[in-house]
Amino acid sequence: MILTSLRPYDLSVANARQPVVASTVLAVLATIMTLLRYANRLVQKAAFGWDDFLILGALLSSYAELILYWCCVTLGGTGRHEADVGYPDILLTLKLLVPFELLYNLSMTCLKCGIIAFYFRLFGRDEMVKRYGKVIIWATVIWGVASIIVIFLICRPFSYSWDTSQPGSCGNRNDMYIINGIGNMLLDIAILVLPLPTIWKLKLPTAQKVGLALIFSLGIFVAIISIIRIKELLAVDFEDITWSLPGGLEWTCLEESIALINANLPFLRSIFKHMTPKAFSAQWASNQRSQRTNTRKTDKSTGDDTEGTFSLVDKSASSQYMELPDYGTGRSVYSQSGHSGHS
């Protein structure tokens, strides 16, 4: 027997409490990482760019989703069996799912574009990054808009998305979740791969290049979580949606939070450098001594003096050389004619 209403619902049920608490903890961690990013910008006296604003947009959208998730749990009975939840509350949960899905697509679109905008600032003069980065941005925006349109068209009339007591029908929502998830995962992989060829061209010890590549490759965890999210969404049973929904909501929030953490990870290098300047200064001096020896040996036959720079492999093709990035400033990693000044 369906009860009239039990609102507000407490967190005594583990299926309601644990997923939303885990989502909140990761959101707090994502917030801390984002604040460190902005604090580092201020300390470095570096200008804020499109990447920073897009990341902020993604963070705010994820907040709105988390609020909706809490509303689903405390007002809509999510985490409990439908038999223990009033019909008006089930209806509320179904209504809240619509803006939740819209905000997810908005957040992930901002996040992906923000990461590529950061690549533009860091590797902006690399033609490959510019060319393919623009393609990925357009693909991300088109995919995000298309996903939002599908949300409005999957059920006719639109209100049938939450109120099935009226005449109407819905398309296959599982197919929608699968296609949306696969598209986002492919875009994540494309973004992950984009800077790797440029990083590998840096004239650095192999261990350092591998370290840099690993930092930029941590997005693979986002792709893995996207797969888990699809699995959880496919497990949603619309015959008992309040009970089966928490997994899908949780992994949607976790995907965004971990993606935000990943987007801000490159800034940790600069943060730690300012926290422990002596250690980084010693490491830098050691690297520079090794680098001078290597570059002098390499350029002895040509008479070129590239001391103090990390050049691209093909120096003869361009007067631009690559420096080891300082992620905190977000400035271009290029310098002209072997000098170490930033553009």
C-alpha atoms as a PDB file:
ATOM      1  CA  MET A   1       0.000   0.000   0.000  1.00  0.00           C
ATOM      2  CA  ILE A   2       1.381   3.393  -1.008  1.00  0.00           C
ATOM      3  CA  LEU A   3       1.337   5.860   1.828  1.00  0.00           C
ATOM      4  CA  THR A   4       0.351   9.473   1.333  1.00  0.00           C
ATOM      5  CA  SER A   5       3.612  11.139   2.396  1.00  0.00           C
ATOM      6  CA  LEU A   6       6.419  10.634   4.876  1.00  0.00           C
ATOM      7  CA  ARG A   7       8.321  13.854   4.218  1.00  0.00           C
ATOM      8  CA  PRO A   8      10.764  14.935   5.362  1.00  0.00           C
ATOM      9  CA  TYR A   9      12.779  11.710   5.238  1.00  0.00           C
ATOM     10  CA  ASP A  10      15.755  11.132   7.516  1.00  0.00           C
ATOM     11  CA  LEU A  11      19.055   9.409   6.705  1.00  0.00           C
ATOM     12  CA  SER A  12      18.466   6.295   8.799  1.00  0.00           C
ATOM     13  CA  VAL A  13      18.319   4.077   5.689  1.00  0.00           C
ATOM     14  CA  ALA A  14      21.814   3.157   4.462  1.00  0.00           C
ATOM     15  CA  ASN A  15      20.750   3.096   0.802  1.00  0.00           C
ATOM     16  CA  ALA A  16      19.693   6.728   1.182  1.00  0.00           C
ATOM     17  CA  ARG A  17      22.502   7.944   3.448  1.00  0.00           C
ATOM     18  CA  GLN A  18      25.732   6.426   2.153  1.00  0.00           C
ATOM     19  CA  PRO A  19      25.584   7.473  -1.525  1.00  0.00           C
ATOM     20  CA  VAL A  20      24.609  11.095  -0.837  1.00  0.00           C
ATOM     21  CA  VAL A  21      27.231  11.451   1.918  1.00  0.00           C
ATOM     22  CA  ALA A  22      29.949  10.031  -0.356  1.00  0.00           C
ATOM     23  CA  SER A  23      28.887  12.448  -3.094  1.00  0.00           C
ATOM     24  CA  THR A  24      29.067  15.362  -0.654  1.00  0.00           C
ATOM     25  CA  VAL A  25      32.546  14.427   0.591  1.00  0.00           C
ATOM     26  CA  LEU A  26      33.917  14.277  -2.974  1.00  0.00           C
ATOM     27  CA  ALA A  27      32.221  17.590  -3.777  1.00  0.00           C
ATOM     28  CA  VAL A  28      33.997  19.199  -0.813  1.00  0.00           C
ATOM     29  CA  LEU A  29      37.336  17.826  -2.028  1.00  0.00           C
ATOM     30  CA  ALA A  30      36.632  19.123  -5.550  1.00  0.00           C
ATOM     31  CA  THR A  31      35.847  22.531  -4.042  1.00  0.00           C
ATOM     32  CA  ILE A  32      39.132  22.588  -2.123  1.00  0.00           C
ATOM     33  CA  MET A  33      41.087  21.720  -5.267  1.00  0.00           C
ATOM     34  CA  THR A  34      39.309  24.431  -7.239  1.00  0.00           C
ATOM     35  CA  LEU A  35      39.934  27.025  -4.527  1.00  0.00           C
ATOM     36  CA  LEU A  36      43.619  26.083  -4.521  1.00  0.00           C
ATOM     37  CA  ARG A  37      43.652  26.691  -8.259  1.00  0.00           C
ATOM     38  CA  TYR A  38      42.256  30.212  -7.835  1.00  0.00           C
ATOM     39  CA  ALA A  39      44.433  30.956  -4.802  1.00  0.00           C
ATOM     40  CA  ASN A  40      47.458  29.977  -6.824  1.00  0.00           C
ATOM     41  CA  ARG A  41      46.395  32.318  -9.624  1.00  0.00           C
ATOM     42  CA  LEU A  42      46.243  35.175  -7.116  1.00  0.00           C
ATOM     43  CA  VAL A  43      49.597  34.326  -5.536  1.00  0.00           C
ATOM     44  CA  GLN A  44      51.210  34.132  -8.971  1.00  0.00           C
ATOM     45  CA  LYS A  45      49.459  37.382  -9.958  1.00  0.00           C
ATOM     46  CA  ALA A  46      48.350  35.608 -13.118  1.00  0.00           C
ATOM     47  CA  ALA A  47      45.283  36.694 -15.057  1.00  0.00           C
ATOM     48  CA  PHE A  48      42.169  34.552 -14.863  1.00  0.00           C
ATOM     49  CA  GLY A  49      41.233  32.998 -18.176  1.00  0.00           C
ATOM     50  CA  TRP A  50      38.372  31.196 -19.856  1.00  0.00           C
ATOM     51  CA  ASP A  51      39.570  27.919 -18.366  1.00  0.00           C
ATOM     52  CA  ASP A  52      39.091  29.274 -14.834  1.00  0.00           C
ATOM     53  CA  PHE A  53      35.599  30.601 -15.546  1.00  0.00           C
ATOM     54  CA  LEU A  54      34.506  27.376 -17.252  1.00  0.00           C
ATOM     55  CA  ILE A  55      35.784  25.306 -14.334  1.00  0.00           C
ATOM     56  CA  LEU A  56      33.837  27.594 -11.986  1.00  0.00           C
ATOM     57  CA  GLY A  57      30.709  27.056 -14.093  1.00  0.00           C
ATOM     58  CA  ALA A  58      31.191  23.293 -13.855  1.00  0.00           C
ATOM     59  CA  LEU A  59      31.660  23.502 -10.082  1.00  0.00           C
ATOM     60  CA  LEU A  60      28.521  25.602  -9.564  1.00  0.00           C
ATOM     61  CA  SER A  61      26.495  23.227 -11.754  1.00  0.00           C
ATOM     62  CA  SER A  62      27.734  20.287  -9.687  1.00  0.00           C
ATOM     63  CA  TYR A  63      26.615  22.126  -6.520  1.00  0.00           C
ATOM     64  CA  ALA A  64      23.133  22.530  -7.969  1.00  0.00           C
ATOM     65  CA  GLU A  65      23.039  18.812  -8.792  1.00  0.00           C
ATOM     66  CA  LEU A  66      24.119  17.879  -5.282  1.00  0.00           C
ATOM     67  CA  ILE A  67      21.355  20.072  -3.839  1.00  0.00           C
ATOM     68  CA  LEU A  68      18.837  18.304  -6.083  1.00  0.00           C
ATOM     69  CA  TYR A  69      20.219  14.960  -4.922  1.00  0.00           C
ATOM     70  CA  TRP A  70      19.708  15.941  -1.277  1.00  0.00           C
ATOM     71  CA  CYS A  71      16.161  17.039  -2.136  1.00  0.00           C
ATOM     72  CA  CYS A  72      15.514  13.649  -3.740  1.00  0.00           C
ATOM     73  CA  VAL A  73      16.701  11.923  -0.558  1.00  0.00           C
ATOM     74  CA  THR A  74      15.088  14.143   2.084  1.00  0.00           C
ATOM     75  CA  LEU A  75      11.907  15.170   0.254  1.00  0.00           C
ATOM     76  CA  GLY A  76      11.437  12.536  -2.439  1.00  0.00           C
ATOM     77  CA  GLY A  77      12.239   9.388  -0.478  1.00  0.00           C
ATOM     78  CA  THR A  78      15.142   8.324  -2.701  1.00  0.00           C
ATOM     79  CA  GLY A  79      16.903   5.338  -1.134  1.00  0.00           C
ATOM     80  CA  ARG A  80      13.663   3.785   0.103  1.00  0.00           C
ATOM     81  CA  HIS A  81      11.285   1.344  -1.562  1.00  0.00           C
ATOM     82  CA  GLU A  82       8.326   2.923  -3.317  1.00  0.00           C
ATOM     83  CA  ALA A  83       5.997   1.053  -0.959  1.00  0.00           C
ATOM     84  CA  ASP A  84       7.378   3.202   1.862  1.00  0.00           C
ATOM     85  CA  VAL A  85       7.178   6.480  -0.048  1.00  0.00           C
ATOM     86  CA  GLY A  86       4.144   8.617  -0.770  1.00  0.00           C
ATOM     87  CA  TYR A  87       3.105   9.017  -4.406  1.00  0.00           C
ATOM     88  CA  PRO A  88       3.560  12.834  -4.344  1.00  0.00           C
ATOM     89  CA  ASP A  89       7.131  12.266  -3.198  1.00  0.00           C
ATOM     90  CA  ILE A  90       7.823   9.768  -5.979  1.00  0.00           C
ATOM     91  CA  LEU A  91       6.460  12.333  -8.415  1.00  0.00           C
ATOM     92  CA  LEU A  92       8.775  14.956  -6.912  1.00  0.00           C
ATOM     93  CA  THR A  93      11.801  12.685  -7.370  1.00  0.00           C
ATOM     94  CA  LEU A  94      10.924  12.116 -11.025  1.00  0.00           C
ATOM     95  CA  LYS A  95      10.519  15.858 -11.555  1.00  0.00           C
ATOM     96  CA  LEU A  96      13.883  16.592  -9.936  1.00  0.00           C
ATOM     97  CA  LEU A  97      15.601  14.118 -12.257  1.00  0.00           C
ATOM     98  CA  VAL A  98      14.943  16.392 -15.245  1.00  0.00           C
ATOM     99  CA  PRO A  99      16.987  19.411 -14.042  1.00  0.00           C
ATOM    100  CA  PHE A 100      19.523  16.974 -12.568  1.00  0.00           C
ATOM    101  CA  GLU A 101      20.199  15.517 -16.022  1.00  0.00           C
ATOM    102  CA  LEU A 102      20.285  18.979 -17.604  1.00  0.00           C
ATOM    103  CA  LEU A 103      22.822  20.214 -15.043  1.00  0.00           C
ATOM    104  CA  TYR A 104      24.981  17.124 -15.543  1.00  0.00           C
ATOM    105  CA  ASN A 105      25.314  17.825 -19.261  1.00  0.00           C
ATOM    106  CA  LEU A 106      25.971  21.516 -18.612  1.00  0.00           C
ATOM    107  CA  SER A 107      28.611  20.740 -15.987  1.00  0.00           C
ATOM    108  CA  MET A 108      30.470  18.181 -18.098  1.00  0.00           C
ATOM    109  CA  THR A 109      30.409  20.462 -21.140  1.00  0.00           C
ATOM    110  CA  CYS A 110      31.894  23.356 -19.144  1.00  0.00           C
ATOM    111  CA  LEU A 111      34.446  21.046 -17.574  1.00  0.00           C
ATOM    112  CA  LYS A 112      35.697  19.565 -20.833  1.00  0.00           C
ATOM    113  CA  CYS A 113      35.887  22.962 -22.526  1.00  0.00           C
ATOM    114  CA  GLY A 114      37.687  24.353 -19.464  1.00  0.00           C
ATOM    115  CA  ILE A 115      40.376  21.670 -19.644  1.00  0.00           C
ATOM    116  CA  ILE A 116      40.982  22.325 -23.335  1.00  0.00           C
ATOM    117  CA  ALA A 117      41.056  26.091 -22.711  1.00  0.00           C
ATOM    118  CA  PHE A 118      43.809  25.404 -20.171  1.00  0.00           C
ATOM    119  CA  TYR A 119      45.702  23.439 -22.824  1.00  0.00           C
ATOM    120  CA  PHE A 120      45.375  26.427 -25.148  1.00  0.00           C
ATOM    121  CA  ARG A 121      46.962  28.687 -22.536  1.00  0.00           C
ATOM    122  CA  LEU A 122      49.742  26.217 -21.830  1.00  0.00           C
ATOM    123  CA  PHE A 123      50.451  24.784 -25.278  1.00  0.00           C
ATOM    124  CA  GLY A 124      48.713  27.458 -27.349  1.00  0.00           C
ATOM    125  CA  ARG A 125      51.396  27.784 -30.012  1.00  0.00           C
ATOM    126  CA  ASP A 126      51.486  24.105 -30.794  1.00  0.00           C
ATOM    127  CA  GLU A 127      49.547  23.737 -34.037  1.00  0.00           C
ATOM    128  CA  MET A 128      48.385  20.213 -33.243  1.00  0.00           C
ATOM    129  CA  VAL A 129      46.941  21.261 -29.880  1.00  0.00           C
ATOM    130  CA  LYS A 130      45.224  24.271 -31.470  1.00  0.00           C
ATOM    131  CA  ARG A 131      43.792  22.332 -34.406  1.00  0.00           C
ATOM    132  CA  TYR A 132      42.533  19.245 -32.613  1.00  0.00           C
ATOM    133  CA  GLY A 133      41.623  21.175 -29.468  1.00  0.00           C
ATOM    134  CA  LYS A 134      39.166  23.292 -31.455  1.00  0.00           C
ATOM    135  CA  VAL A 135      37.678  20.145 -32.988  1.00  0.00           C
ATOM    136  CA  ILE A 136      37.186  18.600 -29.540  1.00  0.00           C
ATOM    137  CA  ILE A 137      35.625  21.799 -28.173  1.00  0.00           C
ATOM    138  CA  TRP A 138      33.106  21.915 -31.014  1.00  0.00           C
ATOM    139  CA  ALA A 139      32.367  18.209 -30.580  1.00  0.00           C
ATOM    140  CA  THR A 140      31.897  18.735 -26.828  1.00  0.00           C
ATOM    141  CA  VAL A 141      29.518  21.671 -27.265  1.00  0.00           C
ATOM    142  CA  ILE A 142      27.497  19.922 -29.977  1.00  0.00           C
ATOM    143  CA  TRP A 143      27.293  16.748 -27.900  1.00  0.00           C
ATOM    144  CA  GLY A 144      26.235  18.678 -24.802  1.00  0.00           C
ATOM    145  CA  VAL A 145      23.506  20.579 -26.661  1.00  0.00           C
ATOM    146  CA  ALA A 146      22.289  17.397 -28.371  1.00  0.00           C
ATOM    147  CA  SER A 147      22.121  15.572 -25.028  1.00  0.00           C
ATOM    148  CA  ILE A 148      20.037  18.381 -23.531  1.00  0.00           C
ATOM    149  CA  ILE A 149      17.660  18.364 -26.509  1.00  0.00           C
ATOM    150  CA  VAL A 150      17.196  14.590 -26.145  1.00  0.00           C
ATOM    151  CA  ILE A 151      16.149  15.065 -22.512  1.00  0.00           C
ATOM    152  CA  PHE A 152      13.284  17.283 -23.688  1.00  0.00           C
ATOM    153  CA  LEU A 153      12.282  14.954 -26.538  1.00  0.00           C
ATOM    154  CA  ILE A 154      12.639  11.486 -24.997  1.00  0.00           C
ATOM    155  CA  CYS A 155       9.083  11.636 -23.615  1.00  0.00           C
ATOM    156  CA  ARG A 156       6.013  13.002 -25.386  1.00  0.00           C
ATOM    157  CA  PRO A 157       4.432  14.975 -23.881  1.00  0.00           C
ATOM    158  CA  PHE A 158       7.399  16.279 -21.889  1.00  0.00           C
ATOM    159  CA  SER A 159       5.469  16.015 -18.599  1.00  0.00           C
ATOM    160  CA  TYR A 160       5.233  12.247 -19.174  1.00  0.00           C
ATOM    161  CA  SER A 161       8.852  12.157 -17.973  1.00  0.00           C
ATOM    162  CA  TRP A 162       7.520  12.300 -14.412  1.00  0.00           C
ATOM    163  CA  ASP A 163       3.748  11.817 -14.667  1.00  0.00           C
ATOM    164  CA  THR A 164       2.885   8.528 -16.365  1.00  0.00           C
ATOM    165  CA  SER A 165      -0.764   8.714 -15.323  1.00  0.00           C
ATOM    166  CA  GLN A 166      -1.533  10.744 -18.462  1.00  0.00           C
ATOM    167  CA  PRO A 167      -1.537   9.512 -22.070  1.00  0.00           C
ATOM    168  CA  GLY A 168       1.954   9.501 -23.546  1.00  0.00           C
ATOM    169  CA  SER A 169       5.108   7.498 -24.124  1.00  0.00           C
ATOM    170  CA  CYS A 170       8.875   7.619 -23.658  1.00  0.00           C
ATOM    171  CA  GLY A 171      11.720   6.378 -25.783  1.00  0.00           C
ATOM    172  CA  ASN A 172      14.244   3.895 -24.459  1.00  0.00           C
ATOM    173  CA  ARG A 173      15.930   5.720 -21.594  1.00  0.00           C
ATOM    174  CA  ASN A 174      18.557   3.015 -21.195  1.00  0.00           C
ATOM    175  CA  ASP A 175      19.688   3.641 -24.770  1.00  0.00           C
ATOM    176  CA  MET A 176      19.841   7.357 -23.972  1.00  0.00           C
ATOM    177  CA  TYR A 177      22.063   6.717 -20.936  1.00  0.00           C
ATOM    178  CA  ILE A 178      24.354   4.371 -22.880  1.00  0.00           C
ATOM    179  CA  ILE A 179      24.788   6.691 -25.868  1.00  0.00           C
ATOM    180  CA  ASN A 180      25.303   9.741 -23.652  1.00  0.00           C
ATOM    181  CA  GLY A 181      27.835   7.921 -21.502  1.00  0.00           C
ATOM    182  CA  ILE A 182      29.794   6.511 -24.433  1.00  0.00           C
ATOM    183  CA  GLY A 183      29.946   9.939 -26.072  1.00  0.00           C
ATOM    184  CA  ASN A 184      31.268  11.558 -22.894  1.00  0.00           C
ATOM    185  CA  MET A 185      33.786   8.765 -22.410  1.00  0.00           C
ATOM    186  CA  LEU A 186      35.157   9.140 -25.963  1.00  0.00           C
ATOM    187  CA  LEU A 187      35.497  12.894 -25.452  1.00  0.00           C
ATOM    188  CA  ASP A 188      37.323  12.269 -22.160  1.00  0.00           C
ATOM    189  CA  ILE A 189      39.792   9.995 -23.942  1.00  0.00           C
ATOM    190  CA  ALA A 190      40.323  12.542 -26.733  1.00  0.00           C
ATOM    191  CA  ILE A 191      41.053  15.262 -24.154  1.00  0.00           C
ATOM    192  CA  LEU A 192      43.377  12.906 -22.298  1.00  0.00           C
ATOM    193  CA  VAL A 193      45.432  12.151 -25.424  1.00  0.00           C
ATOM    194  CA  LEU A 194      45.543  15.724 -26.794  1.00  0.00           C
ATOM    195  CA  PRO A 195      48.598  17.110 -24.892  1.00  0.00           C
ATOM    196  CA  LEU A 196      50.645  13.895 -24.773  1.00  0.00           C
ATOM    197  CA  PRO A 197      52.508  14.255 -28.117  1.00  0.00           C
ATOM    198  CA  THR A 198      53.475  17.824 -27.192  1.00  0.00           C
ATOM    199  CA  ILE A 199      54.692  16.768 -23.744  1.00  0.00           C
ATOM    200  CA  TRP A 200      56.714  13.958 -25.269  1.00  0.00           C
ATOM    201  CA  LYS A 201      58.550  16.458 -27.505  1.00  0.00           C
ATOM    202  CA  LEU A 202      59.972  18.255 -24.476  1.00  0.00           C
ATOM    203  CA  LYS A 203      63.729  17.852 -24.145  1.00  0.00           C
ATOM    204  CA  LEU A 204      63.567  16.433 -20.648  1.00  0.00           C
ATOM    205  CA  PRO A 205      64.797  13.256 -18.986  1.00  0.00           C
ATOM    206  CA  THR A 206      62.446  10.419 -19.813  1.00  0.00           C
ATOM    207  CA  ALA A 207      61.382  10.075 -16.179  1.00  0.00           C
ATOM    208  CA  GLN A 208      60.222  13.711 -16.086  1.00  0.00           C
ATOM    209  CA  LYS A 209      58.347  13.376 -19.355  1.00  0.00           C
ATOM    210  CA  VAL A 210      56.633  10.255 -18.059  1.00  0.00           C
ATOM    211  CA  GLY A 211      55.729  12.115 -14.861  1.00  0.00           C
ATOM    212  CA  LEU A 212      54.204  15.016 -16.788  1.00  0.00           C
ATOM    213  CA  ALA A 213      52.353  12.624 -19.074  1.00  0.00           C
ATOM    214  CA  LEU A 214      50.940  10.778 -16.070  1.00  0.00           C
ATOM    215  CA  ILE A 215      49.651  14.010 -14.538  1.00  0.00           C
ATOM    216  CA  PHE A 216      47.768  14.812 -17.726  1.00  0.00           C
ATOM    217  CA  SER A 217      46.645  11.188 -18.144  1.00  0.00           C
ATOM    218  CA  LEU A 218      44.795  10.898 -14.844  1.00  0.00           C
ATOM    219  CA  GLY A 219      41.640  11.667 -16.782  1.00  0.00           C
ATOM    220  CA  ILE A 220      41.511   7.939 -17.511  1.00  0.00           C
ATOM    221  CA  PHE A 221      39.923   7.568 -14.071  1.00  0.00           C
ATOM    222  CA  VAL A 222      37.085   9.838 -15.218  1.00  0.00           C
ATOM    223  CA  ALA A 223      36.516   7.557 -18.213  1.00  0.00           C
ATOM    224  CA  ILE A 224      36.443   4.520 -15.916  1.00  0.00           C
ATOM    225  CA  ILE A 225      33.942   6.207 -13.601  1.00  0.00           C
ATOM    226  CA  SER A 226      31.837   7.089 -16.633  1.00  0.00           C
ATOM    227  CA  ILE A 227      31.598   3.362 -17.396  1.00  0.00           C
ATOM    228  CA  ILE A 228      30.551   2.623 -13.803  1.00  0.00           C
ATOM    229  CA  ARG A 229      27.967   5.410 -14.032  1.00  0.00           C
ATOM    230  CA  ILE A 230      26.442   3.856 -17.149  1.00  0.00           C
ATOM    231  CA  LYS A 231      26.258   0.488 -15.377  1.00  0.00           C
ATOM    232  CA  GLU A 232      24.478   2.060 -12.392  1.00  0.00           C
ATOM    233  CA  LEU A 233      22.031   3.966 -14.588  1.00  0.00           C
ATOM    234  CA  LEU A 234      21.146   0.787 -16.458  1.00  0.00           C
ATOM    235  CA  ALA A 235      20.359  -0.828 -13.097  1.00  0.00           C
ATOM    236  CA  VAL A 236      17.638   1.761 -12.374  1.00  0.00           C
ATOM    237  CA  ASP A 237      14.263   0.022 -12.097  1.00  0.00           C
ATOM    238  CA  PHE A 238      11.407   2.393 -12.893  1.00  0.00           C
ATOM    239  CA  GLU A 239       9.055   0.004 -11.097  1.00  0.00           C
ATOM    240  CA  ASP A 240      10.865   0.866  -7.845  1.00  0.00           C
ATOM    241  CA  ILE A 241      12.764   3.975  -8.841  1.00  0.00           C
ATOM    242  CA  THR A 242      13.273   5.511  -5.412  1.00  0.00           C
ATOM    243  CA  TRP A 243      15.089   2.370  -4.232  1.00  0.00           C
ATOM    244  CA  SER A 244      17.191   1.755  -7.362  1.00  0.00           C
ATOM    245  CA  LEU A 245      18.095   5.384  -8.138  1.00  0.00           C
ATOM    246  CA  PRO A 246      20.828   6.236  -5.553  1.00  0.00           C
ATOM    247  CA  GLY A 247      23.620   4.434  -7.415  1.00  0.00           C
ATOM    248  CA  GLY A 248      22.998   6.383 -10.608  1.00  0.00           C
ATOM    249  CA  LEU A 249      22.793   9.718  -8.804  1.00  0.00           C
ATOM    250  CA  GLU A 250      25.867   8.966  -6.710  1.00  0.00           C
ATOM    251  CA  TRP A 251      28.132   8.029  -9.614  1.00  0.00           C
ATOM    252  CA  THR A 252      26.918  10.990 -11.637  1.00  0.00           C
ATOM    253  CA  CYS A 253      28.029  13.323  -8.831  1.00  0.00           C
ATOM    254  CA  LEU A 254      31.253  11.378  -8.283  1.00  0.00           C
ATOM    255  CA  GLU A 255      32.133  11.587 -11.974  1.00  0.00           C
ATOM    256  CA  GLU A 256      31.866  15.376 -11.904  1.00  0.00           C
ATOM    257  CA  SER A 257      33.792  15.776  -8.646  1.00  0.00           C
ATOM    258  CA  ILE A 258      36.649  13.522  -9.739  1.00  0.00           C
ATOM    259  CA  ALA A 259      36.745  15.255 -13.135  1.00  0.00           C
ATOM    260  CA  LEU A 260      37.054  18.604 -11.329  1.00  0.00           C
ATOM    261  CA  ILE A 261      39.824  17.253  -9.109  1.00  0.00           C
ATOM    262  CA  ASN A 262      41.614  15.948 -12.189  1.00  0.00           C
ATOM    263  CA  ALA A 263      41.259  19.312 -13.962  1.00  0.00           C
ATOM    264  CA  ASN A 264      42.936  21.080 -11.029  1.00  0.00           C
ATOM    265  CA  LEU A 265      45.693  18.537 -10.345  1.00  0.00           C
ATOM    266  CA  PRO A 266      48.301  20.166 -12.640  1.00  0.00           C
ATOM    267  CA  PHE A 267      48.263  23.214 -10.368  1.00  0.00           C
ATOM    268  CA  LEU A 268      49.504  21.202  -7.389  1.00  0.00           C
ATOM    269  CA  ARG A 269      53.062  21.338  -8.711  1.00  0.00           C
ATOM    270  CA  SER A 270      53.147  25.107  -8.479  1.00  0.00           C
ATOM    271  CA  ILE A 271      51.359  25.081  -5.115  1.00  0.00           C
ATOM    272  CA  PHE A 272      53.892  22.684  -3.607  1.00  0.00           C
ATOM    273  CA  LYS A 273      56.702  24.692  -5.149  1.00  0.00           C
ATOM    274  CA  HIS A 274      55.573  27.748  -3.181  1.00  0.00           C
ATOM    275  CA  MET A 275      55.008  25.723  -0.009  1.00  0.00           C
ATOM    276  CA  THR A 276      58.467  24.087  -0.161  1.00  0.00           C
ATOM    277  CA  PRO A 277      60.582  26.458  -2.261  1.00  0.00           C
ATOM    278  CA  LYS A 278      63.933  25.122  -1.016  1.00  0.00           C
ATOM    279  CA  ALA A 279      63.206  21.588  -2.146  1.00  0.00           C
ATOM    280  CA  PHE A 280      62.039  22.748  -5.550  1.00  0.00           C
ATOM    281  CA  SER A 281      64.982  25.139  -5.888  1.00  0.00           C
ATOM    282  CA  ALA A 282      67.430  22.308  -5.228  1.00  0.00           C
ATOM    283  CA  GLN A 283      65.663  20.084  -7.727  1.00  0.00           C
ATOM    284  CA  TRP A 284      65.578  22.876 -10.289  1.00  0.00           C
ATOM    285  CA  ALA A 285      69.300  23.578  -9.863  1.00  0.00           C
ATOM    286  CA  SER A 286      70.120  19.905 -10.291  1.00  0.00           C
ATOM    287  CA  ASN A 287      67.980  19.689 -13.405  1.00  0.00           C
ATOM    288  CA  GLN A 288      69.582  22.804 -14.833  1.00  0.00           C
ATOM    289  CA  ARG A 289      73.127  21.466 -14.317  1.00  0.00           C
ATOM    290  CA  SER A 290      72.194  18.219 -16.037  1.00  0.00           C
ATOM    291  CA  GLN A 291      70.410  20.107 -18.776  1.00  0.00           C
ATOM    292  CA  ARG A 292      73.377  22.404 -19.498  1.00  0.00           C
ATOM    293  CA  THR A 293      75.626  19.395 -19.937  1.00  0.00           C
ATOM    294  CA  ASN A 294      73.172  17.673 -22.271  1.00  0.00           C
ATOM    295  CA  THR A 295      72.368  20.721 -24.381  1.00  0.00           C
ATOM    296  CA  ARG A 296      76.032  21.685 -24.789  1.00  0.00           C
ATOM    297  CA  LYS A 297      76.863  18.184 -25.939  1.00  0.00           C
ATOM    298  CA  THR A 298      73.912  18.156 -28.308  1.00  0.00           C
ATOM    299  CA  ASP A 299      74.614  21.566 -29.843  1.00  0.00           C
ATOM    300  CA  LYS A 300      78.408  21.426 -29.923  1.00  0.00           C
ATOM    301  CA  SER A 301      78.494  20.671 -33.632  1.00  0.00           C
ATOM    302  CA  THR A 302      76.064  23.459 -34.564  1.00  0.00           C
ATOM    303  CA  GLY A 303      77.274  26.168 -32.204  1.00  0.00           C
ATOM    304  CA  ASP A 304      73.724  26.757 -30.939  1.00  0.00           C
ATOM    305  CA  ASP A 305      73.399  27.901 -27.341  1.00  0.00           C
ATOM    306  CA  THR A 306      70.089  26.661 -25.951  1.00  0.00           C
ATOM    307  CA  GLU A 307      71.064  26.765 -22.302  1.00  0.00           C
ATOM    308  CA  GLY A 308      68.124  27.237 -19.983  1.00  0.00           C
ATOM    309  CA  THR A 309      65.417  26.079 -22.384  1.00  0.00           C
ATOM    310  CA  PHE A 310      63.640  22.856 -23.203  1.00  0.00           C
ATOM    311  CA  SER A 311      63.294  22.755 -26.948  1.00  0.00           C
ATOM    312  CA  LEU A 312      61.066  20.876 -29.301  1.00  0.00           C
ATOM    313  CA  VAL A 313      62.708  18.016 -31.137  1.00  0.00           C
ATOM    314  CA  ASP A 314      62.871  19.862 -34.446  1.00  0.00           C
ATOM    315  CA  LYS A 315      64.692  23.071 -33.537  1.00  0.00           C
ATOM    316  CA  SER A 316      65.521  23.932 -37.127  1.00  0.00           C
ATOM    317  CA  ALA A 317      61.875  24.140 -38.117  1.00  0.00           C
ATOM    318  CA  SER A 318      60.960  26.933 -35.729  1.00  0.00           C
ATOM    319  CA  SER A 319      62.439  29.631 -33.502  1.00  0.00           C
ATOM    320  CA  GLN A 320      60.067  28.653 -30.718  1.00  0.00           C
ATOM    321  CA  TYR A 321      61.259  26.417 -27.914  1.00  0.00           C
ATOM    322  CA  MET A 322      59.381  24.612 -25.208  1.00  0.00           C
ATOM    323  CA  GLU A 323      59.944  25.276 -21.522  1.00  0.00           C
ATOM    324  CA  LEU A 324      58.985  23.079 -18.614  1.00  0.00           C
ATOM    325  CA  PRO A 325      55.470  24.324 -17.765  1.00  0.00           C
ATOM    326  CA  ASP A 326      54.692  26.316 -14.657  1.00  0.00           C
ATOM    327  CA  TYR A 327      51.051  25.310 -14.268  1.00  0.00           C
ATOM    328  CA  GLY A 328      50.382  27.903 -11.608  1.00  0.00           C
ATOM    329  CA  THR A 329      50.616  30.845 -13.980  1.00  0.00           C
ATOM    330  CA  GLY A 330      48.769  29.215 -16.833  1.00  0.00           C
ATOM    331  CA  ARG A 331      50.993  31.100 -19.269  1.00  0.00           C
ATOM    332  CA  SER A 332      52.281  29.651 -22.505  1.00  0.00           C
ATOM    333  CA  VAL A 333      55.158  27.236 -22.121  1.00  0.00           C
ATOM    334  CA  TYR A 334      56.901  28.663 -25.186  1.00  0.00           C
ATOM    335  CA  SER A 335      59.748  31.120 -25.361  1.00  0.00           C
ATOM    336  CA  GLN A 336      61.456  32.799 -28.269  1.00  0.00           C
ATOM    337  CA  SER A 337      64.972  32.106 -29.540  1.00  0.00           C
ATOM    338  CA  GLY A 338      66.031  30.139 -26.500  1.00  0.00           C
ATOM    339  CA  HIS A 339      65.213  32.811 -23.915  1.00  0.00           C
ATOM    340  CA  SER A 340      63.240  31.832 -20.851  1.00  0.00           C
ATOM    341  CA  GLY A 341      60.741  34.662 -20.780  1.00  0.00           C
ATOM    342  CA  HIS A 342      57.058  33.793 -20.983  1.00  0.00           C
ATOM    343  CA  SER A 343      54.866  35.135 -23.731  1.00  0.00           C
END
